[in-house]
Amino acid sequence: METKRHCKRCGERFVGRSDKIFCCDSCRNDYHNHLRRERNKGMNRVNRILSRNRDIIRSLLSRGVKSIGTRELNMLSFDFGHFTSMDKRFLGRTCYHIYEYYYYFSNNGEVHFTLKE
């Protein structure tokens, strides 16, 4: 039996099965895409930061820059609080990984970058 219902997304009135809640595929997709965006908002923010950090390192390395001061790196909007993993490496230094790159701090305050091998 068909009944008149209101679309859960746009509010338009439509005729359809009693369990149908959207007037069309477009409204159904928009509704679920909105829910997914809201649910993943925090994760998407972190991914944007990680991606920006990765792009900064990639850009510096492509220009031949293998180390830079923390102040200069801050001015490039690098976020030291976000990285994909960390570990102890040579000389007891902590290495911070951002996907396929890693960086570490030297004793003189510079940040050194390299591509993982």
N, C-alpha and C. Protein backbone atom coordinates (compact mmCIF):
# COMPACT_ATOMS: atom_id res chain seq x y z
N MET A 1 0.83 -1.18 0.00
CA MET A 1 0.00 0.00 0.00
C MET A 1 0.87 1.25 0.00
N GLU A 2 0.57 2.20 -0.86
CA GLU A 2 1.33 3.44 -0.96
C GLU A 2 0.69 4.51 -0.09
N THR A 3 1.54 5.28 0.58
CA THR A 3 1.06 6.36 1.44
C THR A 3 1.82 7.63 1.11
N LYS A 4 1.25 8.78 1.48
CA LYS A 4 1.93 10.06 1.29
C LYS A 4 2.83 10.29 2.48
N ARG A 5 4.08 10.59 2.18
CA ARG A 5 5.07 10.78 3.23
C ARG A 5 5.87 12.04 2.94
N HIS A 6 6.68 12.47 3.91
CA HIS A 6 7.58 13.61 3.74
C HIS A 6 9.02 13.12 3.72
N CYS A 7 9.80 13.63 2.77
CA CYS A 7 11.20 13.25 2.60
C CYS A 7 11.99 13.67 3.84
N LYS A 8 12.82 12.77 4.36
CA LYS A 8 13.62 13.03 5.54
C LYS A 8 14.70 14.09 5.27
N ARG A 9 15.08 14.28 4.01
CA ARG A 9 16.13 15.24 3.66
C ARG A 9 15.56 16.61 3.29
N CYS A 10 14.65 16.67 2.33
CA CYS A 10 14.18 17.96 1.82
C CYS A 10 12.79 18.34 2.32
N GLY A 11 12.05 17.41 2.88
CA GLY A 11 10.72 17.71 3.38
C GLY A 11 9.61 17.66 2.35
N GLU A 12 9.99 17.41 1.10
CA GLU A 12 8.98 17.32 0.04
C GLU A 12 8.05 16.15 0.30
N ARG A 13 6.83 16.34 -0.11
CA ARG A 13 5.84 15.28 0.02
C ARG A 13 5.96 14.34 -1.18
N PHE A 14 5.89 13.04 -0.92
CA PHE A 14 5.99 12.07 -2.01
C PHE A 14 5.09 10.88 -1.71
N VAL A 15 4.84 10.12 -2.73
CA VAL A 15 4.03 8.92 -2.60
C VAL A 15 4.95 7.73 -2.80
N GLY A 16 4.81 6.75 -1.95
CA GLY A 16 5.65 5.56 -2.08
C GLY A 16 5.31 4.51 -1.05
N ARG A 17 6.18 3.52 -0.98
CA ARG A 17 5.98 2.44 -0.02
C ARG A 17 5.98 3.01 1.39
N SER A 18 5.40 2.27 2.30
CA SER A 18 5.28 2.75 3.68
C SER A 18 6.64 2.84 4.38
N ASP A 19 7.66 2.11 3.92
CA ASP A 19 8.97 2.18 4.56
C ASP A 19 9.94 3.11 3.83
N LYS A 20 9.51 3.76 2.79
CA LYS A 20 10.36 4.68 2.05
C LYS A 20 10.45 6.01 2.80
N ILE A 21 11.68 6.54 2.98
CA ILE A 21 11.82 7.77 3.76
C ILE A 21 12.42 8.94 2.97
N PHE A 22 12.89 8.68 1.75
CA PHE A 22 13.44 9.75 0.91
C PHE A 22 12.66 9.79 -0.40
N CYS A 23 12.55 11.00 -0.94
CA CYS A 23 11.78 11.16 -2.18
C CYS A 23 12.56 10.69 -3.41
N CYS A 24 13.91 10.72 -3.35
CA CYS A 24 14.71 10.32 -4.50
C CYS A 24 16.11 9.89 -4.05
N ASP A 25 16.86 9.33 -4.97
CA ASP A 25 18.22 8.88 -4.65
C ASP A 25 19.13 10.04 -4.26
N SER A 26 18.94 11.19 -4.88
CA SER A 26 19.76 12.35 -4.57
C SER A 26 19.59 12.77 -3.10
N CYS A 27 18.36 12.81 -2.63
CA CYS A 27 18.12 13.17 -1.22
C CYS A 27 18.70 12.12 -0.28
N ARG A 28 18.56 10.86 -0.64
CA ARG A 28 19.10 9.77 0.18
C ARG A 28 20.63 9.90 0.26
N ASN A 29 21.29 10.13 -0.88
CA ASN A 29 22.73 10.29 -0.89
C ASN A 29 23.19 11.52 -0.11
N ASP A 30 22.52 12.64 -0.31
CA ASP A 30 22.86 13.87 0.42
C ASP A 30 22.75 13.67 1.92
N TYR A 31 21.69 13.02 2.35
CA TYR A 31 21.46 12.79 3.78
C TYR A 31 22.60 11.95 4.38
N HIS A 32 22.93 10.84 3.74
CA HIS A 32 23.97 9.95 4.27
C HIS A 32 25.37 10.55 4.15
N ASN A 33 25.63 11.32 3.08
CA ASN A 33 26.91 12.01 2.97
C ASN A 33 27.08 13.04 4.08
N HIS A 34 26.01 13.74 4.42
CA HIS A 34 26.05 14.71 5.52
C HIS A 34 26.36 14.01 6.84
N LEU A 35 25.70 12.88 7.10
CA LEU A 35 25.98 12.12 8.34
C LEU A 35 27.43 11.67 8.39
N ARG A 36 27.95 11.19 7.28
CA ARG A 36 29.34 10.71 7.22
C ARG A 36 30.32 11.86 7.46
N ARG A 37 30.06 13.02 6.86
CA ARG A 37 30.92 14.18 7.07
C ARG A 37 30.94 14.58 8.54
N GLU A 38 29.79 14.62 9.17
CA GLU A 38 29.71 14.99 10.59
C GLU A 38 30.43 13.98 11.47
N ARG A 39 30.27 12.72 11.17
CA ARG A 39 30.88 11.66 11.97
C ARG A 39 32.40 11.67 11.85
N ASN A 40 32.93 12.07 10.69
CA ASN A 40 34.37 12.03 10.44
C ASN A 40 35.03 13.40 10.53
N LYS A 41 34.35 14.38 11.08
CA LYS A 41 34.85 15.75 11.11
C LYS A 41 36.23 15.84 11.78
N GLY A 42 36.40 15.23 12.94
CA GLY A 42 37.67 15.29 13.66
C GLY A 42 38.78 14.59 12.90
N MET A 43 38.47 13.44 12.35
CA MET A 43 39.46 12.69 11.60
C MET A 43 39.88 13.45 10.34
N ASN A 44 38.95 14.09 9.68
CA ASN A 44 39.26 14.87 8.48
C ASN A 44 40.16 16.05 8.81
N ARG A 45 39.95 16.68 9.95
CA ARG A 45 40.79 17.81 10.37
C ARG A 45 42.22 17.34 10.57
N VAL A 46 42.40 16.22 11.26
CA VAL A 46 43.74 15.68 11.50
C VAL A 46 44.39 15.29 10.18
N ASN A 47 43.65 14.67 9.28
CA ASN A 47 44.21 14.28 7.98
C ASN A 47 44.67 15.50 7.18
N ARG A 48 43.93 16.62 7.26
CA ARG A 48 44.35 17.84 6.57
C ARG A 48 45.67 18.35 7.14
N ILE A 49 45.82 18.32 8.46
CA ILE A 49 47.06 18.78 9.10
C ILE A 49 48.23 17.88 8.69
N LEU A 50 48.02 16.56 8.74
CA LEU A 50 49.07 15.63 8.34
C LEU A 50 49.45 15.82 6.87
N SER A 51 48.47 16.03 6.04
CA SER A 51 48.72 16.24 4.62
C SER A 51 49.51 17.52 4.39
N ARG A 52 49.17 18.58 5.11
CA ARG A 52 49.90 19.85 4.98
C ARG A 52 51.35 19.67 5.44
N ASN A 53 51.55 18.99 6.58
CA ASN A 53 52.91 18.73 7.06
C ASN A 53 53.71 17.93 6.03
N ARG A 54 53.08 16.91 5.46
CA ARG A 54 53.74 16.08 4.45
C ARG A 54 54.11 16.91 3.23
N ASP A 55 53.20 17.76 2.78
CA ASP A 55 53.47 18.61 1.61
C ASP A 55 54.62 19.57 1.88
N ILE A 56 54.72 20.10 3.09
CA ILE A 56 55.80 21.01 3.45
C ILE A 56 57.14 20.28 3.38
N ILE A 57 57.20 19.08 3.98
CA ILE A 57 58.45 18.30 3.95
C ILE A 57 58.82 17.95 2.51
N ARG A 58 57.84 17.47 1.74
CA ARG A 58 58.10 17.08 0.35
C ARG A 58 58.63 18.27 -0.46
N SER A 59 58.03 19.43 -0.24
CA SER A 59 58.45 20.64 -0.96
C SER A 59 59.87 21.03 -0.58
N LEU A 60 60.19 20.98 0.71
CA LEU A 60 61.55 21.33 1.15
C LEU A 60 62.58 20.36 0.57
N LEU A 61 62.29 19.08 0.65
CA LEU A 61 63.23 18.08 0.13
C LEU A 61 63.41 18.20 -1.38
N SER A 62 62.33 18.52 -2.10
CA SER A 62 62.43 18.67 -3.56
C SER A 62 63.31 19.85 -3.95
N ARG A 63 63.43 20.83 -3.06
CA ARG A 63 64.31 21.99 -3.31
C ARG A 63 65.71 21.78 -2.74
N GLY A 64 65.96 20.58 -2.20
CA GLY A 64 67.27 20.26 -1.67
C GLY A 64 67.49 20.67 -0.22
N VAL A 65 66.44 21.13 0.45
CA VAL A 65 66.54 21.54 1.85
C VAL A 65 66.34 20.31 2.72
N LYS A 66 67.41 19.92 3.44
CA LYS A 66 67.32 18.72 4.29
C LYS A 66 67.22 19.07 5.77
N SER A 67 67.44 20.33 6.11
CA SER A 67 67.27 20.77 7.49
C SER A 67 66.86 22.24 7.49
N ILE A 68 66.15 22.61 8.54
CA ILE A 68 65.63 23.98 8.64
C ILE A 68 65.37 24.27 10.12
N GLY A 69 65.42 25.50 10.49
CA GLY A 69 65.16 25.89 11.87
C GLY A 69 63.68 25.74 12.22
N THR A 70 63.41 25.49 13.50
CA THR A 70 62.01 25.30 13.91
C THR A 70 61.19 26.56 13.68
N ARG A 71 61.80 27.71 13.84
CA ARG A 71 61.07 28.97 13.63
C ARG A 71 60.61 29.10 12.17
N GLU A 72 61.53 28.81 11.24
CA GLU A 72 61.18 28.88 9.82
C GLU A 72 60.10 27.86 9.47
N LEU A 73 60.21 26.69 10.08
CA LEU A 73 59.21 25.65 9.83
C LEU A 73 57.85 26.06 10.38
N ASN A 74 57.84 26.69 11.53
CA ASN A 74 56.58 27.22 12.08
C ASN A 74 55.97 28.26 11.15
N MET A 75 56.80 29.08 10.53
CA MET A 75 56.29 30.11 9.63
C MET A 75 55.67 29.49 8.36
N LEU A 76 56.04 28.26 8.06
CA LEU A 76 55.44 27.54 6.93
C LEU A 76 54.14 26.83 7.34
N SER A 77 53.70 27.04 8.57
CA SER A 77 52.48 26.43 9.14
C SER A 77 52.63 24.95 9.43
N PHE A 78 53.85 24.51 9.69
CA PHE A 78 54.08 23.12 10.07
C PHE A 78 53.55 22.93 11.48
N ASP A 79 52.84 21.84 11.73
CA ASP A 79 52.25 21.55 13.03
C ASP A 79 53.02 20.39 13.67
N PHE A 80 53.86 20.70 14.66
CA PHE A 80 54.69 19.68 15.31
C PHE A 80 53.89 18.71 16.17
N GLY A 81 52.66 19.05 16.47
CA GLY A 81 51.83 18.21 17.33
C GLY A 81 51.16 17.05 16.61
N HIS A 82 51.30 16.98 15.29
CA HIS A 82 50.64 15.92 14.53
C HIS A 82 51.66 15.15 13.70
N PHE A 83 51.70 13.85 13.88
CA PHE A 83 52.57 12.96 13.12
C PHE A 83 51.94 11.58 13.15
N THR A 84 52.36 10.71 12.25
CA THR A 84 51.73 9.39 12.14
C THR A 84 52.31 8.39 13.13
N SER A 85 53.59 8.51 13.47
CA SER A 85 54.20 7.64 14.49
C SER A 85 55.52 8.24 14.91
N MET A 86 56.12 7.63 15.93
CA MET A 86 57.43 8.09 16.39
C MET A 86 58.20 6.89 16.92
N ASP A 87 59.53 7.00 16.91
CA ASP A 87 60.37 5.96 17.47
C ASP A 87 61.73 6.53 17.83
N LYS A 88 62.51 5.73 18.54
CA LYS A 88 63.88 6.12 18.89
C LYS A 88 64.79 5.59 17.81
N ARG A 89 65.68 6.43 17.35
CA ARG A 89 66.61 6.03 16.29
C ARG A 89 68.04 6.24 16.74
N PHE A 90 68.87 6.49 15.76
CA PHE A 90 70.30 6.65 15.99
C PHE A 90 70.58 7.75 17.00
N LEU A 91 71.60 7.54 17.79
CA LEU A 91 72.03 8.47 18.84
C LEU A 91 70.93 8.79 19.84
N GLY A 92 69.94 7.90 19.96
CA GLY A 92 68.87 8.09 20.93
C GLY A 92 67.88 9.19 20.58
N ARG A 93 67.94 9.70 19.36
CA ARG A 93 67.02 10.76 18.95
C ARG A 93 65.63 10.18 18.69
N THR A 94 64.64 10.98 18.98
CA THR A 94 63.27 10.61 18.65
C THR A 94 62.98 11.05 17.23
N CYS A 95 62.51 10.12 16.42
CA CYS A 95 62.15 10.42 15.03
C CYS A 95 60.64 10.45 14.92
N TYR A 96 60.13 11.46 14.28
CA TYR A 96 58.70 11.62 14.07
C TYR A 96 58.39 11.31 12.61
N HIS A 97 57.45 10.44 12.38
CA HIS A 97 57.10 10.01 11.04
C HIS A 97 55.82 10.71 10.57
N ILE A 98 55.84 11.10 9.32
CA ILE A 98 54.64 11.60 8.64
C ILE A 98 54.58 10.83 7.33
N TYR A 99 53.80 9.77 7.35
CA TYR A 99 53.68 8.87 6.21
C TYR A 99 55.06 8.38 5.80
N GLU A 100 55.52 8.67 4.59
CA GLU A 100 56.78 8.11 4.11
C GLU A 100 58.00 8.97 4.46
N TYR A 101 57.81 10.06 5.20
CA TYR A 101 58.91 10.93 5.61
C TYR A 101 59.11 10.83 7.11
N TYR A 102 60.31 11.19 7.56
CA TYR A 102 60.49 11.34 8.98
C TYR A 102 61.40 12.53 9.24
N TYR A 103 61.31 13.05 10.46
CA TYR A 103 62.15 14.17 10.84
C TYR A 103 62.59 14.01 12.28
N TYR A 104 63.68 14.67 12.63
CA TYR A 104 64.18 14.65 14.00
C TYR A 104 64.82 16.01 14.28
N PHE A 105 64.98 16.30 15.55
CA PHE A 105 65.57 17.56 15.98
C PHE A 105 67.04 17.34 16.32
N SER A 106 67.91 18.21 15.82
CA SER A 106 69.32 18.12 16.17
C SER A 106 69.58 18.93 17.44
N ASN A 107 70.79 18.80 17.97
CA ASN A 107 71.15 19.51 19.20
C ASN A 107 71.15 21.02 19.03
N ASN A 108 71.36 21.49 17.81
CA ASN A 108 71.40 22.94 17.58
C ASN A 108 70.02 23.53 17.28
N GLY A 109 68.96 22.72 17.41
CA GLY A 109 67.60 23.22 17.23
C GLY A 109 67.06 23.13 15.83
N GLU A 110 67.84 22.57 14.92
CA GLU A 110 67.33 22.42 13.56
C GLU A 110 66.53 21.13 13.43
N VAL A 111 65.66 21.14 12.44
CA VAL A 111 64.84 19.97 12.13
C VAL A 111 65.40 19.37 10.85
N HIS A 112 65.70 18.06 10.89
CA HIS A 112 66.26 17.35 9.73
C HIS A 112 65.20 16.42 9.16
N PHE A 113 65.09 16.41 7.83
CA PHE A 113 64.09 15.60 7.13
C PHE A 113 64.76 14.55 6.28
N THR A 114 64.04 13.48 6.07
CA THR A 114 64.48 12.48 5.11
C THR A 114 63.29 11.62 4.68
N LEU A 115 63.45 10.98 3.55
CA LEU A 115 62.46 10.06 3.03
C LEU A 115 62.79 8.68 3.58
N LYS A 116 61.78 7.94 4.05
CA LYS A 116 62.02 6.57 4.54
C LYS A 116 62.50 5.71 3.39
N GLU A 117 63.38 4.81 3.70
CA GLU A 117 63.91 3.90 2.67
C GLU A 117 63.33 2.53 2.80
